[in-house]
Amino acid sequence: MSQAAESLTDTGREDWPFDAWGTARPDLNFVREYCLADVGVCDRLVALFQTARELGLTQPGRTGRFQVNKAIKDSEDLAPEQLPQNHARIPSPEKSGYSDVMRQFTAFIPRYYRDTGAA
């Protein structure tokens, strides 16, 4: 084993999430993947984003420290809850699919806790 690999395995930390080859330890991996019941809603959300972009209602993505830093996060964000209500081009949360997706995400939370042992 190389000295670099040895230093990765001998961190002295029980919570080290990777082995010497960079493979995630599943017992410490918090990332999970779940599928929406109706993925067709994604097309409506993309359309909402594109309309909001055309109207200038998106903003640069912010880091965890609420800073715009494109070296860390180069994205364009949309905050649906901040969209104007009753705008002719902006569909309601129900019509845009936003409400449906949020209900489904909320339903995933107990499952996530069970799957990760975070409960």
N, C-alpha and C. Protein backbone atom coordinates (compact mmCIF):
# COMPACT_ATOMS: atom_id res chain seq x y z
N MET A 1 0.85 -1.17 0.00
CA MET A 1 0.00 0.00 0.00
C MET A 1 0.90 1.24 0.00
N SER A 2 0.55 2.22 -0.83
CA SER A 2 1.35 3.44 -0.89
C SER A 2 1.18 4.24 0.40
N GLN A 3 2.13 5.14 0.61
CA GLN A 3 2.06 5.96 1.82
C GLN A 3 0.81 6.84 1.80
N ALA A 4 0.42 7.35 0.61
CA ALA A 4 -0.78 8.18 0.51
C ALA A 4 -2.02 7.37 0.86
N ALA A 5 -2.11 6.15 0.32
CA ALA A 5 -3.26 5.30 0.62
C ALA A 5 -3.30 4.94 2.09
N GLU A 6 -2.13 4.68 2.66
CA GLU A 6 -2.06 4.33 4.07
C GLU A 6 -2.54 5.50 4.93
N SER A 7 -2.19 6.72 4.53
CA SER A 7 -2.61 7.87 5.33
C SER A 7 -4.12 8.07 5.25
N LEU A 8 -4.74 7.64 4.15
CA LEU A 8 -6.19 7.74 4.04
C LEU A 8 -6.90 6.75 4.95
N THR A 9 -6.34 5.56 5.06
CA THR A 9 -7.00 4.55 5.88
C THR A 9 -6.72 4.74 7.35
N ASP A 10 -5.61 5.35 7.68
CA ASP A 10 -5.24 5.52 9.07
C ASP A 10 -5.47 6.96 9.49
N THR A 11 -6.71 7.41 9.42
CA THR A 11 -7.03 8.80 9.78
C THR A 11 -7.27 8.95 11.27
N GLY A 12 -7.49 7.82 11.94
CA GLY A 12 -7.82 7.91 13.35
C GLY A 12 -9.26 8.34 13.57
N ARG A 13 -10.02 8.42 12.51
CA ARG A 13 -11.41 8.85 12.61
C ARG A 13 -12.33 7.70 12.22
N GLU A 14 -13.23 7.36 13.09
CA GLU A 14 -14.19 6.31 12.80
C GLU A 14 -15.19 6.76 11.74
N ASP A 15 -15.38 8.07 11.60
CA ASP A 15 -16.39 8.57 10.68
C ASP A 15 -15.83 8.88 9.29
N TRP A 16 -14.59 8.50 9.01
CA TRP A 16 -13.99 8.77 7.70
C TRP A 16 -14.81 8.06 6.64
N PRO A 17 -15.41 8.79 5.66
CA PRO A 17 -16.37 8.17 4.75
C PRO A 17 -15.79 7.44 3.55
N PHE A 18 -14.47 7.36 3.40
CA PHE A 18 -13.88 6.73 2.22
C PHE A 18 -12.80 5.74 2.61
N ASP A 19 -12.64 4.72 1.79
CA ASP A 19 -11.53 3.81 2.01
C ASP A 19 -10.31 4.35 1.28
N ALA A 20 -9.22 3.61 1.25
CA ALA A 20 -7.96 4.08 0.67
C ALA A 20 -8.07 4.38 -0.82
N TRP A 21 -9.06 3.82 -1.50
CA TRP A 21 -9.20 4.03 -2.94
C TRP A 21 -10.26 5.07 -3.26
N GLY A 22 -10.76 5.74 -2.25
CA GLY A 22 -11.74 6.80 -2.46
C GLY A 22 -13.17 6.28 -2.59
N THR A 23 -13.39 5.02 -2.30
CA THR A 23 -14.73 4.46 -2.37
C THR A 23 -15.51 4.86 -1.12
N ALA A 24 -16.72 5.34 -1.33
CA ALA A 24 -17.53 5.74 -0.19
C ALA A 24 -17.93 4.54 0.63
N ARG A 25 -17.87 4.70 1.92
CA ARG A 25 -18.34 3.65 2.81
C ARG A 25 -19.86 3.77 2.91
N PRO A 26 -20.59 2.76 2.46
CA PRO A 26 -22.06 2.87 2.45
C PRO A 26 -22.67 3.12 3.81
N ASP A 27 -22.01 2.67 4.87
CA ASP A 27 -22.57 2.89 6.20
C ASP A 27 -22.52 4.36 6.62
N LEU A 28 -21.71 5.16 5.93
CA LEU A 28 -21.63 6.59 6.26
C LEU A 28 -22.13 7.48 5.12
N ASN A 29 -22.61 6.89 4.07
CA ASN A 29 -23.05 7.66 2.92
C ASN A 29 -24.47 8.18 3.17
N PHE A 30 -24.65 9.49 3.12
CA PHE A 30 -25.95 10.08 3.38
C PHE A 30 -26.73 10.38 2.10
N VAL A 31 -26.13 10.18 0.95
CA VAL A 31 -26.79 10.48 -0.32
C VAL A 31 -27.70 9.31 -0.69
N ARG A 32 -28.94 9.63 -1.03
CA ARG A 32 -29.91 8.63 -1.45
C ARG A 32 -30.59 9.11 -2.73
N GLU A 33 -31.18 8.17 -3.44
CA GLU A 33 -31.88 8.48 -4.69
C GLU A 33 -33.29 7.92 -4.60
N TYR A 34 -34.26 8.78 -4.86
CA TYR A 34 -35.66 8.37 -4.85
C TYR A 34 -36.30 8.88 -6.14
N CYS A 35 -37.34 8.22 -6.61
CA CYS A 35 -38.01 8.62 -7.85
C CYS A 35 -39.39 9.19 -7.53
N LEU A 36 -39.73 10.23 -8.26
CA LEU A 36 -41.06 10.81 -8.15
C LEU A 36 -42.06 9.84 -8.77
N ALA A 37 -43.28 9.86 -8.25
CA ALA A 37 -44.33 9.00 -8.80
C ALA A 37 -44.65 9.38 -10.23
N ASP A 38 -44.58 10.68 -10.54
CA ASP A 38 -44.88 11.16 -11.89
C ASP A 38 -43.75 12.09 -12.33
N VAL A 39 -42.81 11.55 -13.10
CA VAL A 39 -41.67 12.36 -13.54
C VAL A 39 -42.07 13.39 -14.59
N GLY A 40 -43.28 13.27 -15.14
CA GLY A 40 -43.76 14.26 -16.11
C GLY A 40 -43.84 15.66 -15.52
N VAL A 41 -43.93 15.74 -14.22
CA VAL A 41 -43.99 17.03 -13.55
C VAL A 41 -42.69 17.81 -13.79
N CYS A 42 -41.61 17.11 -14.05
CA CYS A 42 -40.31 17.77 -14.28
C CYS A 42 -40.37 18.72 -15.47
N ASP A 43 -41.06 18.33 -16.52
CA ASP A 43 -41.19 19.20 -17.69
C ASP A 43 -41.88 20.51 -17.33
N ARG A 44 -42.88 20.44 -16.48
CA ARG A 44 -43.58 21.66 -16.05
C ARG A 44 -42.67 22.54 -15.20
N LEU A 45 -41.84 21.92 -14.37
CA LEU A 45 -40.91 22.71 -13.55
C LEU A 45 -39.84 23.38 -14.40
N VAL A 46 -39.37 22.67 -15.42
CA VAL A 46 -38.39 23.26 -16.34
C VAL A 46 -39.02 24.44 -17.06
N ALA A 47 -40.27 24.28 -17.50
CA ALA A 47 -40.97 25.39 -18.18
C ALA A 47 -41.13 26.58 -17.25
N LEU A 48 -41.42 26.32 -15.97
CA LEU A 48 -41.53 27.40 -14.99
C LEU A 48 -40.19 28.12 -14.86
N PHE A 49 -39.11 27.37 -14.77
CA PHE A 49 -37.79 27.98 -14.65
C PHE A 49 -37.47 28.84 -15.88
N GLN A 50 -37.74 28.31 -17.07
CA GLN A 50 -37.45 29.06 -18.29
C GLN A 50 -38.26 30.35 -18.37
N THR A 51 -39.52 30.30 -17.98
CA THR A 51 -40.35 31.51 -17.97
C THR A 51 -39.80 32.51 -16.96
N ALA A 52 -39.46 32.03 -15.78
CA ALA A 52 -38.91 32.92 -14.76
C ALA A 52 -37.61 33.56 -15.23
N ARG A 53 -36.79 32.78 -15.93
CA ARG A 53 -35.53 33.32 -16.46
C ARG A 53 -35.82 34.43 -17.48
N GLU A 54 -36.76 34.19 -18.38
CA GLU A 54 -37.13 35.20 -19.38
C GLU A 54 -37.62 36.48 -18.73
N LEU A 55 -38.29 36.36 -17.59
CA LEU A 55 -38.82 37.52 -16.88
C LEU A 55 -37.81 38.15 -15.92
N GLY A 56 -36.60 37.59 -15.88
CA GLY A 56 -35.56 38.13 -15.00
C GLY A 56 -35.79 37.81 -13.53
N LEU A 57 -36.46 36.69 -13.25
CA LEU A 57 -36.79 36.34 -11.87
C LEU A 57 -35.88 35.27 -11.28
N THR A 58 -34.83 34.90 -12.00
CA THR A 58 -33.84 33.97 -11.45
C THR A 58 -32.66 34.79 -10.94
N GLN A 59 -31.81 34.15 -10.18
CA GLN A 59 -30.64 34.85 -9.65
C GLN A 59 -29.45 33.91 -9.58
N PRO A 60 -28.25 34.46 -9.49
CA PRO A 60 -27.08 33.59 -9.40
C PRO A 60 -27.15 32.70 -8.17
N GLY A 61 -26.66 31.47 -8.32
CA GLY A 61 -26.65 30.54 -7.19
C GLY A 61 -25.73 31.04 -6.09
N ARG A 62 -26.11 30.74 -4.87
CA ARG A 62 -25.33 31.15 -3.70
C ARG A 62 -24.76 29.93 -2.99
N THR A 63 -23.60 30.12 -2.41
CA THR A 63 -22.94 29.05 -1.67
C THR A 63 -23.64 28.86 -0.33
N GLY A 64 -23.17 27.89 0.44
CA GLY A 64 -23.71 27.66 1.77
C GLY A 64 -23.55 28.85 2.69
N ARG A 65 -22.65 29.75 2.34
CA ARG A 65 -22.46 30.98 3.13
C ARG A 65 -23.21 32.15 2.51
N PHE A 66 -24.15 31.85 1.61
CA PHE A 66 -25.01 32.84 0.97
C PHE A 66 -24.24 33.86 0.14
N GLN A 67 -23.12 33.42 -0.43
CA GLN A 67 -22.32 34.29 -1.28
C GLN A 67 -22.42 33.81 -2.73
N VAL A 68 -22.32 34.73 -3.67
CA VAL A 68 -22.20 34.36 -5.07
C VAL A 68 -20.71 34.18 -5.33
N ASN A 69 -20.32 32.95 -5.62
CA ASN A 69 -18.92 32.64 -5.89
C ASN A 69 -18.90 31.55 -6.95
N LYS A 70 -18.76 31.97 -8.20
CA LYS A 70 -18.86 31.03 -9.33
C LYS A 70 -17.73 30.01 -9.35
N ALA A 71 -16.66 30.25 -8.60
CA ALA A 71 -15.60 29.24 -8.51
C ALA A 71 -16.07 28.04 -7.68
N ILE A 72 -17.03 28.27 -6.80
CA ILE A 72 -17.56 27.21 -5.95
C ILE A 72 -18.89 26.69 -6.49
N LYS A 73 -19.78 27.60 -6.87
CA LYS A 73 -21.10 27.21 -7.36
C LYS A 73 -21.48 28.11 -8.52
N ASP A 74 -21.49 27.54 -9.71
CA ASP A 74 -21.85 28.29 -10.92
C ASP A 74 -23.22 27.80 -11.37
N SER A 75 -24.25 28.45 -10.86
CA SER A 75 -25.61 28.03 -11.18
C SER A 75 -26.54 29.23 -11.22
N GLU A 76 -27.74 28.96 -11.67
CA GLU A 76 -28.78 29.97 -11.69
C GLU A 76 -29.94 29.40 -10.87
N ASP A 77 -30.40 30.14 -9.89
CA ASP A 77 -31.40 29.63 -8.96
C ASP A 77 -32.75 30.33 -9.13
N LEU A 78 -33.76 29.58 -8.75
CA LEU A 78 -35.12 30.09 -8.76
C LEU A 78 -35.74 29.76 -7.41
N ALA A 79 -36.34 30.75 -6.79
CA ALA A 79 -37.05 30.54 -5.53
C ALA A 79 -38.55 30.65 -5.83
N PRO A 80 -39.20 29.51 -6.10
CA PRO A 80 -40.62 29.56 -6.50
C PRO A 80 -41.50 30.31 -5.51
N GLU A 81 -41.19 30.21 -4.23
CA GLU A 81 -42.01 30.89 -3.23
C GLU A 81 -41.91 32.42 -3.32
N GLN A 82 -40.91 32.91 -4.06
CA GLN A 82 -40.75 34.36 -4.22
C GLN A 82 -41.30 34.87 -5.55
N LEU A 83 -41.88 33.99 -6.34
CA LEU A 83 -42.44 34.41 -7.62
C LEU A 83 -43.70 35.25 -7.40
N PRO A 84 -43.94 36.22 -8.29
CA PRO A 84 -45.15 37.04 -8.13
C PRO A 84 -46.41 36.19 -8.33
N GLN A 85 -47.38 36.43 -7.50
CA GLN A 85 -48.66 35.72 -7.64
C GLN A 85 -49.53 36.46 -8.66
N ASN A 86 -50.37 35.73 -9.31
CA ASN A 86 -51.31 36.28 -10.29
C ASN A 86 -50.63 36.96 -11.47
N HIS A 87 -49.42 36.52 -11.82
CA HIS A 87 -48.73 37.01 -13.01
C HIS A 87 -49.23 36.18 -14.19
N ALA A 88 -49.55 36.82 -15.28
CA ALA A 88 -50.15 36.13 -16.44
C ALA A 88 -49.28 34.98 -16.96
N ARG A 89 -47.96 35.10 -16.86
CA ARG A 89 -47.08 34.07 -17.41
C ARG A 89 -46.57 33.07 -16.39
N ILE A 90 -46.81 33.31 -15.13
CA ILE A 90 -46.33 32.42 -14.08
C ILE A 90 -47.50 31.54 -13.62
N PRO A 91 -47.41 30.23 -13.85
CA PRO A 91 -48.50 29.35 -13.39
C PRO A 91 -48.50 29.23 -11.86
N SER A 92 -49.63 28.88 -11.33
CA SER A 92 -49.76 28.69 -9.88
C SER A 92 -48.87 27.52 -9.45
N PRO A 93 -48.59 27.42 -8.16
CA PRO A 93 -47.80 26.27 -7.68
C PRO A 93 -48.44 24.93 -8.07
N GLU A 94 -49.76 24.86 -8.08
CA GLU A 94 -50.43 23.61 -8.49
C GLU A 94 -50.22 23.33 -9.97
N LYS A 95 -50.42 24.31 -10.81
CA LYS A 95 -50.30 24.10 -12.27
C LYS A 95 -48.85 23.88 -12.71
N SER A 96 -47.92 24.50 -12.00
CA SER A 96 -46.50 24.37 -12.39
C SER A 96 -45.90 23.04 -11.96
N GLY A 97 -46.58 22.34 -11.06
CA GLY A 97 -46.06 21.08 -10.54
C GLY A 97 -45.27 21.25 -9.26
N TYR A 98 -45.01 22.48 -8.87
CA TYR A 98 -44.20 22.74 -7.68
C TYR A 98 -44.84 22.13 -6.42
N SER A 99 -46.13 22.32 -6.24
CA SER A 99 -46.81 21.78 -5.06
C SER A 99 -46.73 20.27 -5.02
N ASP A 100 -46.94 19.64 -6.17
CA ASP A 100 -46.89 18.18 -6.24
C ASP A 100 -45.51 17.65 -5.87
N VAL A 101 -44.48 18.26 -6.42
CA VAL A 101 -43.11 17.82 -6.13
C VAL A 101 -42.79 18.03 -4.65
N MET A 102 -43.19 19.13 -4.08
CA MET A 102 -42.91 19.37 -2.66
C MET A 102 -43.64 18.35 -1.79
N ARG A 103 -44.86 17.98 -2.15
CA ARG A 103 -45.57 16.94 -1.38
C ARG A 103 -44.80 15.62 -1.46
N GLN A 104 -44.32 15.28 -2.65
CA GLN A 104 -43.59 14.03 -2.81
C GLN A 104 -42.26 14.07 -2.05
N PHE A 105 -41.53 15.19 -2.13
CA PHE A 105 -40.28 15.31 -1.38
C PHE A 105 -40.53 15.16 0.11
N THR A 106 -41.58 15.79 0.60
CA THR A 106 -41.91 15.70 2.02
C THR A 106 -42.19 14.26 2.43
N ALA A 107 -42.84 13.51 1.54
CA ALA A 107 -43.13 12.10 1.82
C ALA A 107 -41.85 11.26 1.86
N PHE A 108 -40.79 11.70 1.18
CA PHE A 108 -39.53 10.96 1.18
C PHE A 108 -38.77 11.10 2.50
N ILE A 109 -39.04 12.12 3.28
CA ILE A 109 -38.25 12.40 4.47
C ILE A 109 -38.25 11.24 5.47
N PRO A 110 -39.41 10.70 5.86
CA PRO A 110 -39.36 9.56 6.80
C PRO A 110 -38.60 8.36 6.22
N ARG A 111 -38.75 8.13 4.92
CA ARG A 111 -38.04 7.03 4.28
C ARG A 111 -36.54 7.27 4.32
N TYR A 112 -36.12 8.51 4.06
CA TYR A 112 -34.70 8.85 4.12
C TYR A 112 -34.15 8.59 5.51
N TYR A 113 -34.87 9.04 6.53
CA TYR A 113 -34.42 8.80 7.90
C TYR A 113 -34.28 7.32 8.19
N ARG A 114 -35.23 6.52 7.74
CA ARG A 114 -35.15 5.08 7.93
C ARG A 114 -33.95 4.50 7.18
N ASP A 115 -33.76 4.91 5.91
CA ASP A 115 -32.69 4.37 5.08
C ASP A 115 -31.30 4.71 5.60
N THR A 116 -31.16 5.88 6.20
CA THR A 116 -29.85 6.32 6.66
C THR A 116 -29.62 6.08 8.14
N GLY A 117 -30.67 5.64 8.83
CA GLY A 117 -30.53 5.44 10.27
C GLY A 117 -30.45 6.74 11.03
N ALA A 118 -30.95 7.80 10.43
CA ALA A 118 -30.86 9.12 11.05
C ALA A 118 -32.00 9.39 12.02
N ALA A 119 -32.93 8.46 12.10
CA ALA A 119 -34.12 8.69 12.94
C ALA A 119 -33.79 8.68 14.42
